[in-house]
Amino acid sequence: MYGFSKILLDFTVERAAEAMPQDPRVSECVGLINHYIQRTVAEWPTADYSKRLADAVSWLAVMALQHRQVMIASRLRQIAAQLDTSGQGLPLPERVLTNVGVDAHAW
């Protein structure tokens, strides 16, 4: 996790927490994201938590969609894709996308 990437992730996660304060899952997920960021910075280059961080960011994107925060969800998905270089990222459940009125194939 490098300077600008960390700043962008921090900013987006902060916006997500502000947009969905009533959901305890969001604060739990934000805490997990912050934990992985801190561990990545502290243990770099010997440890890489990018995959776990990407999964947590993806789940926050799902929650953002559930709360109809489409712009935040989109940014979070972009960040998760950049973090997960394996291409094995956590897929967004199609039913979640359908429930919030998003075309799963377009997402």
C-alpha atoms as a PDB file:
ATOM      1  CA  MET A   1       0.000   0.000   0.000  1.00  0.00           C
ATOM      2  CA  TYR A   2       1.676   3.159  -1.197  1.00  0.00           C
ATOM      3  CA  GLY A   3       1.112   6.833  -0.372  1.00  0.00           C
ATOM      4  CA  PHE A   4      -1.565   7.924  -2.829  1.00  0.00           C
ATOM      5  CA  SER A   5      -3.329   4.542  -2.780  1.00  0.00           C
ATOM      6  CA  LYS A   6      -3.530   4.629   1.001  1.00  0.00           C
ATOM      7  CA  ILE A   7      -4.840   8.206   0.974  1.00  0.00           C
ATOM      8  CA  LEU A   8      -7.506   7.333  -1.611  1.00  0.00           C
ATOM      9  CA  LEU A   9      -8.572   4.226   0.310  1.00  0.00           C
ATOM     10  CA  ASP A  10      -8.665   6.104   3.635  1.00  0.00           C
ATOM     11  CA  PHE A  11     -10.749   8.893   2.088  1.00  0.00           C
ATOM     12  CA  THR A  12     -13.215   6.504   0.440  1.00  0.00           C
ATOM     13  CA  VAL A  13     -13.591   4.338   3.549  1.00  0.00           C
ATOM     14  CA  GLU A  14     -14.198   7.469   5.623  1.00  0.00           C
ATOM     15  CA  ARG A  15     -16.920   8.596   3.180  1.00  0.00           C
ATOM     16  CA  ALA A  16     -18.512   5.142   3.368  1.00  0.00           C
ATOM     17  CA  ALA A  17     -18.583   5.259   7.175  1.00  0.00           C
ATOM     18  CA  GLU A  18     -20.151   8.737   7.097  1.00  0.00           C
ATOM     19  CA  ALA A  19     -22.775   7.696   4.538  1.00  0.00           C
ATOM     20  CA  MET A  20     -23.850   4.569   6.445  1.00  0.00           C
ATOM     21  CA  PRO A  21     -23.388   5.314  10.159  1.00  0.00           C
ATOM     22  CA  GLN A  22     -26.452   3.351  11.268  1.00  0.00           C
ATOM     23  CA  ASP A  23     -25.111  -0.020  10.050  1.00  0.00           C
ATOM     24  CA  PRO A  24     -22.844  -1.741  12.611  1.00  0.00           C
ATOM     25  CA  ARG A  25     -21.471  -4.022   9.866  1.00  0.00           C
ATOM     26  CA  VAL A  26     -19.970  -0.959   8.175  1.00  0.00           C
ATOM     27  CA  SER A  27     -18.009   0.121  11.242  1.00  0.00           C
ATOM     28  CA  GLU A  28     -16.860  -3.458  11.747  1.00  0.00           C
ATOM     29  CA  CYS A  29     -15.692  -3.675   8.137  1.00  0.00           C
ATOM     30  CA  VAL A  30     -14.001  -0.249   8.315  1.00  0.00           C
ATOM     31  CA  GLY A  31     -12.144  -1.415  11.421  1.00  0.00           C
ATOM     32  CA  LEU A  32     -10.988  -4.544   9.594  1.00  0.00           C
ATOM     33  CA  ILE A  33      -9.811  -2.483   6.610  1.00  0.00           C
ATOM     34  CA  ASN A  34      -7.859  -0.150   8.903  1.00  0.00           C
ATOM     35  CA  HIS A  35      -6.335  -3.169  10.655  1.00  0.00           C
ATOM     36  CA  TYR A  36      -5.079  -4.620   7.359  1.00  0.00           C
ATOM     37  CA  ILE A  37      -3.752  -1.241   6.232  1.00  0.00           C
ATOM     38  CA  GLN A  38      -1.775  -0.875   9.461  1.00  0.00           C
ATOM     39  CA  ARG A  39      -0.409  -4.415   9.251  1.00  0.00           C
ATOM     40  CA  THR A  40       0.553  -3.965   5.601  1.00  0.00           C
ATOM     41  CA  VAL A  41       2.448  -0.772   6.376  1.00  0.00           C
ATOM     42  CA  ALA A  42       4.075  -2.167   9.529  1.00  0.00           C
ATOM     43  CA  GLU A  43       5.150  -5.512   8.076  1.00  0.00           C
ATOM     44  CA  TRP A  44       5.999  -4.523   4.510  1.00  0.00           C
ATOM     45  CA  PRO A  45       7.738  -6.072   2.544  1.00  0.00           C
ATOM     46  CA  THR A  46       7.710  -9.338   4.530  1.00  0.00           C
ATOM     47  CA  ALA A  47       3.913  -9.641   4.673  1.00  0.00           C
ATOM     48  CA  ASP A  48       1.282  -8.861   2.111  1.00  0.00           C
ATOM     49  CA  TYR A  49      -2.323  -8.474   3.165  1.00  0.00           C
ATOM     50  CA  SER A  50      -3.533  -7.160  -0.206  1.00  0.00           C
ATOM     51  CA  LYS A  51      -5.905 -10.077  -0.848  1.00  0.00           C
ATOM     52  CA  ARG A  52      -7.516  -9.844   2.585  1.00  0.00           C
ATOM     53  CA  LEU A  53      -7.724  -6.074   2.257  1.00  0.00           C
ATOM     54  CA  ALA A  54      -9.289  -6.413  -1.203  1.00  0.00           C
ATOM     55  CA  ASP A  55     -11.912  -8.825   0.172  1.00  0.00           C
ATOM     56  CA  ALA A  56     -12.811  -6.452   3.036  1.00  0.00           C
ATOM     57  CA  VAL A  57     -13.059  -3.509   0.619  1.00  0.00           C
ATOM     58  CA  SER A  58     -15.278  -5.618  -1.679  1.00  0.00           C
ATOM     59  CA  TRP A  59     -17.638  -6.421   1.193  1.00  0.00           C
ATOM     60  CA  LEU A  60     -17.816  -2.739   2.088  1.00  0.00           C
ATOM     61  CA  ALA A  61     -18.759  -2.116  -1.554  1.00  0.00           C
ATOM     62  CA  VAL A  62     -21.601  -4.628  -1.189  1.00  0.00           C
ATOM     63  CA  MET A  63     -22.830  -2.819   1.915  1.00  0.00           C
ATOM     64  CA  ALA A  64     -22.640   0.505   0.086  1.00  0.00           C
ATOM     65  CA  LEU A  65     -24.835  -0.919  -2.674  1.00  0.00           C
ATOM     66  CA  GLN A  66     -27.291  -2.225  -0.098  1.00  0.00           C
ATOM     67  CA  HIS A  67     -27.538   1.345   1.205  1.00  0.00           C
ATOM     68  CA  ARG A  68     -27.839   2.727  -2.345  1.00  0.00           C
ATOM     69  CA  GLN A  69     -24.479   4.505  -2.138  1.00  0.00           C
ATOM     70  CA  VAL A  70     -23.602   3.657  -5.737  1.00  0.00           C
ATOM     71  CA  MET A  71     -20.743   6.138  -6.197  1.00  0.00           C
ATOM     72  CA  ILE A  72     -18.997   4.940  -3.035  1.00  0.00           C
ATOM     73  CA  ALA A  73     -19.555   1.305  -4.041  1.00  0.00           C
ATOM     74  CA  SER A  74     -18.090   1.936  -7.470  1.00  0.00           C
ATOM     75  CA  ARG A  75     -14.965   3.573  -6.061  1.00  0.00           C
ATOM     76  CA  LEU A  76     -14.535   0.763  -3.527  1.00  0.00           C
ATOM     77  CA  ARG A  77     -14.805  -1.859  -6.285  1.00  0.00           C
ATOM     78  CA  GLN A  78     -12.117  -0.056  -8.290  1.00  0.00           C
ATOM     79  CA  ILE A  79      -9.828   0.021  -5.263  1.00  0.00           C
ATOM     80  CA  ALA A  80     -10.488  -3.660  -4.489  1.00  0.00           C
ATOM     81  CA  ALA A  81      -9.645  -4.622  -8.072  1.00  0.00           C
ATOM     82  CA  GLN A  82      -6.332  -2.762  -7.844  1.00  0.00           C
ATOM     83  CA  LEU A  83      -5.489  -4.388  -4.517  1.00  0.00           C
ATOM     84  CA  ASP A  84      -6.294  -7.923  -5.631  1.00  0.00           C
ATOM     85  CA  THR A  85      -3.713  -8.624  -8.298  1.00  0.00           C
ATOM     86  CA  SER A  86      -4.522 -12.356  -8.279  1.00  0.00           C
ATOM     87  CA  GLY A  87      -7.821 -11.800 -10.060  1.00  0.00           C
ATOM     88  CA  GLN A  88      -9.445 -14.089  -7.496  1.00  0.00           C
ATOM     89  CA  GLY A  89     -11.401 -11.286  -5.817  1.00  0.00           C
ATOM     90  CA  LEU A  90     -14.544 -11.771  -3.878  1.00  0.00           C
ATOM     91  CA  PRO A  91     -17.419 -11.598  -6.348  1.00  0.00           C
ATOM     92  CA  LEU A  92     -20.372  -9.441  -5.513  1.00  0.00           C
ATOM     93  CA  PRO A  93     -23.413 -11.650  -5.047  1.00  0.00           C
ATOM     94  CA  GLU A  94     -25.760 -11.213  -7.996  1.00  0.00           C
ATOM     95  CA  ARG A  95     -28.783 -11.176  -5.689  1.00  0.00           C
ATOM     96  CA  VAL A  96     -27.356  -8.174  -3.810  1.00  0.00           C
ATOM     97  CA  LEU A  97     -26.874  -6.279  -7.047  1.00  0.00           C
ATOM     98  CA  THR A  98     -30.363  -7.207  -8.229  1.00  0.00           C
ATOM     99  CA  ASN A  99     -31.930  -6.164  -4.917  1.00  0.00           C
ATOM    100  CA  VAL A 100     -30.529  -2.662  -5.243  1.00  0.00           C
ATOM    101  CA  GLY A 101     -31.502  -2.329  -8.898  1.00  0.00           C
ATOM    102  CA  VAL A 102     -28.041  -2.723 -10.457  1.00  0.00           C
ATOM    103  CA  ASP A 103     -27.511  -4.851 -13.536  1.00  0.00           C
ATOM    104  CA  ALA A 104     -25.121  -7.551 -12.323  1.00  0.00           C
ATOM    105  CA  HIS A 105     -23.571  -7.976 -15.764  1.00  0.00           C
ATOM    106  CA  ALA A 106     -22.889  -4.258 -16.146  1.00  0.00           C
ATOM    107  CA  TRP A 107     -21.337  -4.010 -12.689  1.00  0.00           C
END
